[in-house]
Amino acid sequence: MKKLIALTLLAASFLTLAGCNTVQGFGKDVQKVGEKVQDAGQK
């Protein structure tokens, strides 16, 4: 039973870390798109 709980917590930790990296990468992509739109508007 303890092994099952430990494996569940470990899996949840990995999923949480992977989710954070994905959201952070998405935020950077959106920021780059915003910069391109802003640059195009200034021309």
PDB file of N, CA and C in Angstrom:
ATOM      1  N   MET A   1       0.827  -1.202   0.000  1.00  0.00           N
ATOM      2  CA  MET A   1       0.000   0.000   0.000  1.00  0.00           C
ATOM      3  C   MET A   1       0.867   1.260   0.000  1.00  0.00           C
ATOM      4  N   LYS A   2       1.939   1.254   0.786  1.00  0.00           N
ATOM      5  CA  LYS A   2       2.838   2.408   0.834  1.00  0.00           C
ATOM      6  C   LYS A   2       3.520   2.628  -0.512  1.00  0.00           C
ATOM      7  N   LYS A   3       3.835   1.542  -1.213  1.00  0.00           N
ATOM      8  CA  LYS A   3       4.471   1.671  -2.526  1.00  0.00           C
ATOM      9  C   LYS A   3       3.522   2.324  -3.524  1.00  0.00           C
ATOM     10  N   LEU A   4       2.259   1.952  -3.449  1.00  0.00           N
ATOM     11  CA  LEU A   4       1.259   2.519  -4.345  1.00  0.00           C
ATOM     12  C   LEU A   4       1.107   4.022  -4.107  1.00  0.00           C
ATOM     13  N   ILE A   5       1.078   4.419  -2.862  1.00  0.00           N
ATOM     14  CA  ILE A   5       0.954   5.839  -2.517  1.00  0.00           C
ATOM     15  C   ILE A   5       2.195   6.598  -2.983  1.00  0.00           C
ATOM     16  N   ALA A   6       3.368   6.022  -2.766  1.00  0.00           N
ATOM     17  CA  ALA A   6       4.620   6.663  -3.179  1.00  0.00           C
ATOM     18  C   ALA A   6       4.672   6.815  -4.699  1.00  0.00           C
ATOM     19  N   LEU A   7       4.273   5.779  -5.429  1.00  0.00           N
ATOM     20  CA  LEU A   7       4.278   5.857  -6.890  1.00  0.00           C
ATOM     21  C   LEU A   7       3.266   6.888  -7.392  1.00  0.00           C
ATOM     22  N   THR A   8       2.139   6.968  -6.747  1.00  0.00           N
ATOM     23  CA  THR A   8       1.120   7.946  -7.129  1.00  0.00           C
ATOM     24  C   THR A   8       1.632   9.365  -6.917  1.00  0.00           C
ATOM     25  N   LEU A   9       2.258   9.606  -5.781  1.00  0.00           N
ATOM     26  CA  LEU A   9       2.811  10.931  -5.506  1.00  0.00           C
ATOM     27  C   LEU A   9       3.933  11.279  -6.476  1.00  0.00           C
ATOM     28  N   LEU A  10       4.768  10.310  -6.799  1.00  0.00           N
ATOM     29  CA  LEU A  10       5.859  10.533  -7.740  1.00  0.00           C
ATOM     30  C   LEU A  10       5.310  10.878  -9.127  1.00  0.00           C
ATOM     31  N   ALA A  11       4.314  10.132  -9.575  1.00  0.00           N
ATOM     32  CA  ALA A  11       3.696  10.398 -10.878  1.00  0.00           C
ATOM     33  C   ALA A  11       3.047  11.780 -10.898  1.00  0.00           C
ATOM     34  N   ALA A  12       2.387  12.150  -9.825  1.00  0.00           N
ATOM     35  CA  ALA A  12       1.752  13.470  -9.744  1.00  0.00           C
ATOM     36  C   ALA A  12       2.800  14.581  -9.793  1.00  0.00           C
ATOM     37  N   SER A  13       3.938  14.355  -9.158  1.00  0.00           N
ATOM     38  CA  SER A  13       5.018  15.350  -9.183  1.00  0.00           C
ATOM     39  C   SER A  13       5.534  15.547 -10.602  1.00  0.00           C
ATOM     40  N   PHE A  14       5.757  14.452 -11.315  1.00  0.00           N
ATOM     41  CA  PHE A  14       6.247  14.550 -12.689  1.00  0.00           C
ATOM     42  C   PHE A  14       5.247  15.265 -13.583  1.00  0.00           C
ATOM     43  N   LEU A  15       3.978  14.963 -13.424  1.00  0.00           N
ATOM     44  CA  LEU A  15       2.961  15.614 -14.240  1.00  0.00           C
ATOM     45  C   LEU A  15       2.872  17.105 -13.942  1.00  0.00           C
ATOM     46  N   THR A  16       3.021  17.464 -12.687  1.00  0.00           N
ATOM     47  CA  THR A  16       2.978  18.874 -12.305  1.00  0.00           C
ATOM     48  C   THR A  16       4.148  19.630 -12.914  1.00  0.00           C
ATOM     49  N   LEU A  17       5.346  19.056 -12.839  1.00  0.00           N
ATOM     50  CA  LEU A  17       6.522  19.710 -13.405  1.00  0.00           C
ATOM     51  C   LEU A  17       6.407  19.820 -14.919  1.00  0.00           C
ATOM     52  N   ALA A  18       5.930  18.797 -15.565  1.00  0.00           N
ATOM     53  CA  ALA A  18       5.765  18.825 -17.014  1.00  0.00           C
ATOM     54  C   ALA A  18       4.739  19.885 -17.413  1.00  0.00           C
ATOM     55  N   GLY A  19       3.682  20.010 -16.650  1.00  0.00           N
ATOM     56  CA  GLY A  19       2.660  21.019 -16.928  1.00  0.00           C
ATOM     57  C   GLY A  19       3.200  22.425 -16.797  1.00  0.00           C
ATOM     58  N   CYS A  20       4.026  22.673 -15.805  1.00  0.00           N
ATOM     59  CA  CYS A  20       4.614  23.999 -15.616  1.00  0.00           C
ATOM     60  C   CYS A  20       5.505  24.360 -16.791  1.00  0.00           C
ATOM     61  N   ASN A  21       6.307  23.420 -17.236  1.00  0.00           N
ATOM     62  CA  ASN A  21       7.189  23.691 -18.365  1.00  0.00           C
ATOM     63  C   ASN A  21       6.390  23.965 -19.626  1.00  0.00           C
ATOM     64  N   THR A  22       5.309  23.265 -19.811  1.00  0.00           N
ATOM     65  CA  THR A  22       4.484  23.457 -20.991  1.00  0.00           C
ATOM     66  C   THR A  22       3.837  24.842 -20.971  1.00  0.00           C
ATOM     67  N   VAL A  23       3.314  25.239 -19.845  1.00  0.00           N
ATOM     68  CA  VAL A  23       2.671  26.552 -19.724  1.00  0.00           C
ATOM     69  C   VAL A  23       3.703  27.654 -19.902  1.00  0.00           C
ATOM     70  N   GLN A  24       4.890  27.469 -19.354  1.00  0.00           N
ATOM     71  CA  GLN A  24       5.943  28.473 -19.486  1.00  0.00           C
ATOM     72  C   GLN A  24       6.350  28.619 -20.951  1.00  0.00           C
ATOM     73  N   GLY A  25       6.498  27.517 -21.650  1.00  0.00           N
ATOM     74  CA  GLY A  25       6.848  27.561 -23.068  1.00  0.00           C
ATOM     75  C   GLY A  25       5.766  28.226 -23.892  1.00  0.00           C
ATOM     76  N   PHE A  26       4.519  27.931 -23.572  1.00  0.00           N
ATOM     77  CA  PHE A  26       3.387  28.546 -24.272  1.00  0.00           C
ATOM     78  C   PHE A  26       3.385  30.058 -24.049  1.00  0.00           C
ATOM     79  N   GLY A  27       3.676  30.473 -22.835  1.00  0.00           N
ATOM     80  CA  GLY A  27       3.729  31.904 -22.521  1.00  0.00           C
ATOM     81  C   GLY A  27       4.807  32.614 -23.320  1.00  0.00           C
ATOM     82  N   LYS A  28       5.946  31.983 -23.485  1.00  0.00           N
ATOM     83  CA  LYS A  28       7.030  32.572 -24.282  1.00  0.00           C
ATOM     84  C   LYS A  28       6.620  32.691 -25.743  1.00  0.00           C
ATOM     85  N   ASP A  29       5.933  31.675 -26.264  1.00  0.00           N
ATOM     86  CA  ASP A  29       5.478  31.723 -27.652  1.00  0.00           C
ATOM     87  C   ASP A  29       4.492  32.863 -27.859  1.00  0.00           C
ATOM     88  N   VAL A  30       3.554  33.025 -26.931  1.00  0.00           N
ATOM     89  CA  VAL A  30       2.570  34.103 -27.035  1.00  0.00           C
ATOM     90  C   VAL A  30       3.267  35.457 -26.964  1.00  0.00           C
ATOM     91  N   GLN A  31       4.272  35.561 -26.132  1.00  0.00           N
ATOM     92  CA  GLN A  31       5.010  36.814 -26.004  1.00  0.00           C
ATOM     93  C   GLN A  31       5.713  37.161 -27.311  1.00  0.00           C
ATOM     94  N   LYS A  32       6.320  36.174 -27.968  1.00  0.00           N
ATOM     95  CA  LYS A  32       7.002  36.419 -29.238  1.00  0.00           C
ATOM     96  C   LYS A  32       6.024  36.859 -30.310  1.00  0.00           C
ATOM     97  N   VAL A  33       4.856  36.240 -30.350  1.00  0.00           N
ATOM     98  CA  VAL A  33       3.834  36.627 -31.326  1.00  0.00           C
ATOM     99  C   VAL A  33       3.398  38.068 -31.062  1.00  0.00           C
ATOM    100  N   GLY A  34       3.209  38.416 -29.812  1.00  0.00           N
ATOM    101  CA  GLY A  34       2.822  39.783 -29.458  1.00  0.00           C
ATOM    102  C   GLY A  34       3.866  40.797 -29.882  1.00  0.00           C
ATOM    103  N   GLU A  35       5.133  40.458 -29.735  1.00  0.00           N
ATOM    104  CA  GLU A  35       6.212  41.355 -30.152  1.00  0.00           C
ATOM    105  C   GLU A  35       6.201  41.543 -31.666  1.00  0.00           C
ATOM    106  N   LYS A  36       5.949  40.474 -32.417  1.00  0.00           N
ATOM    107  CA  LYS A  36       5.907  40.570 -33.884  1.00  0.00           C
ATOM    108  C   LYS A  36       4.740  41.465 -34.323  1.00  0.00           C
ATOM    109  N   VAL A  37       3.593  41.314 -33.677  1.00  0.00           N
ATOM    110  CA  VAL A  37       2.428  42.126 -34.016  1.00  0.00           C
ATOM    111  C   VAL A  37       2.715  43.587 -33.691  1.00  0.00           C
ATOM    112  N   GLN A  38       3.352  43.833 -32.564  1.00  0.00           N
ATOM    113  CA  GLN A  38       3.664  45.183 -32.155  1.00  0.00           C
ATOM    114  C   GLN A  38       4.670  45.824 -33.129  1.00  0.00           C
ATOM    115  N   ASP A  39       5.675  45.064 -33.544  1.00  0.00           N
ATOM    116  CA  ASP A  39       6.648  45.566 -34.498  1.00  0.00           C
ATOM    117  C   ASP A  39       5.987  45.878 -35.838  1.00  0.00           C
ATOM    118  N   ALA A  40       5.075  45.035 -36.284  1.00  0.00           N
ATOM    119  CA  ALA A  40       4.384  45.266 -37.554  1.00  0.00           C
ATOM    120  C   ALA A  40       3.500  46.503 -37.464  1.00  0.00           C
ATOM    121  N   GLY A  41       2.940  46.775 -36.316  1.00  0.00           N
ATOM    122  CA  GLY A  41       2.089  47.951 -36.142  1.00  0.00           C
ATOM    123  C   GLY A  41       2.865  49.250 -36.123  1.00  0.00           C
ATOM    124  N   GLN A  42       4.133  49.204 -35.777  1.00  0.00           N
ATOM    125  CA  GLN A  42       4.953  50.409 -35.704  1.00  0.00           C
ATOM    126  C   GLN A  42       5.507  50.829 -37.059  1.00  0.00           C
ATOM    127  N   LYS A  43       5.457  49.930 -38.031  1.00  0.00           N
ATOM    128  CA  LYS A  43       6.029  50.261 -39.364  1.00  0.00           C
ATOM    129  C   LYS A  43       5.114  51.110 -40.186  1.00  0.00           C
TER     130      LYS A  43
END
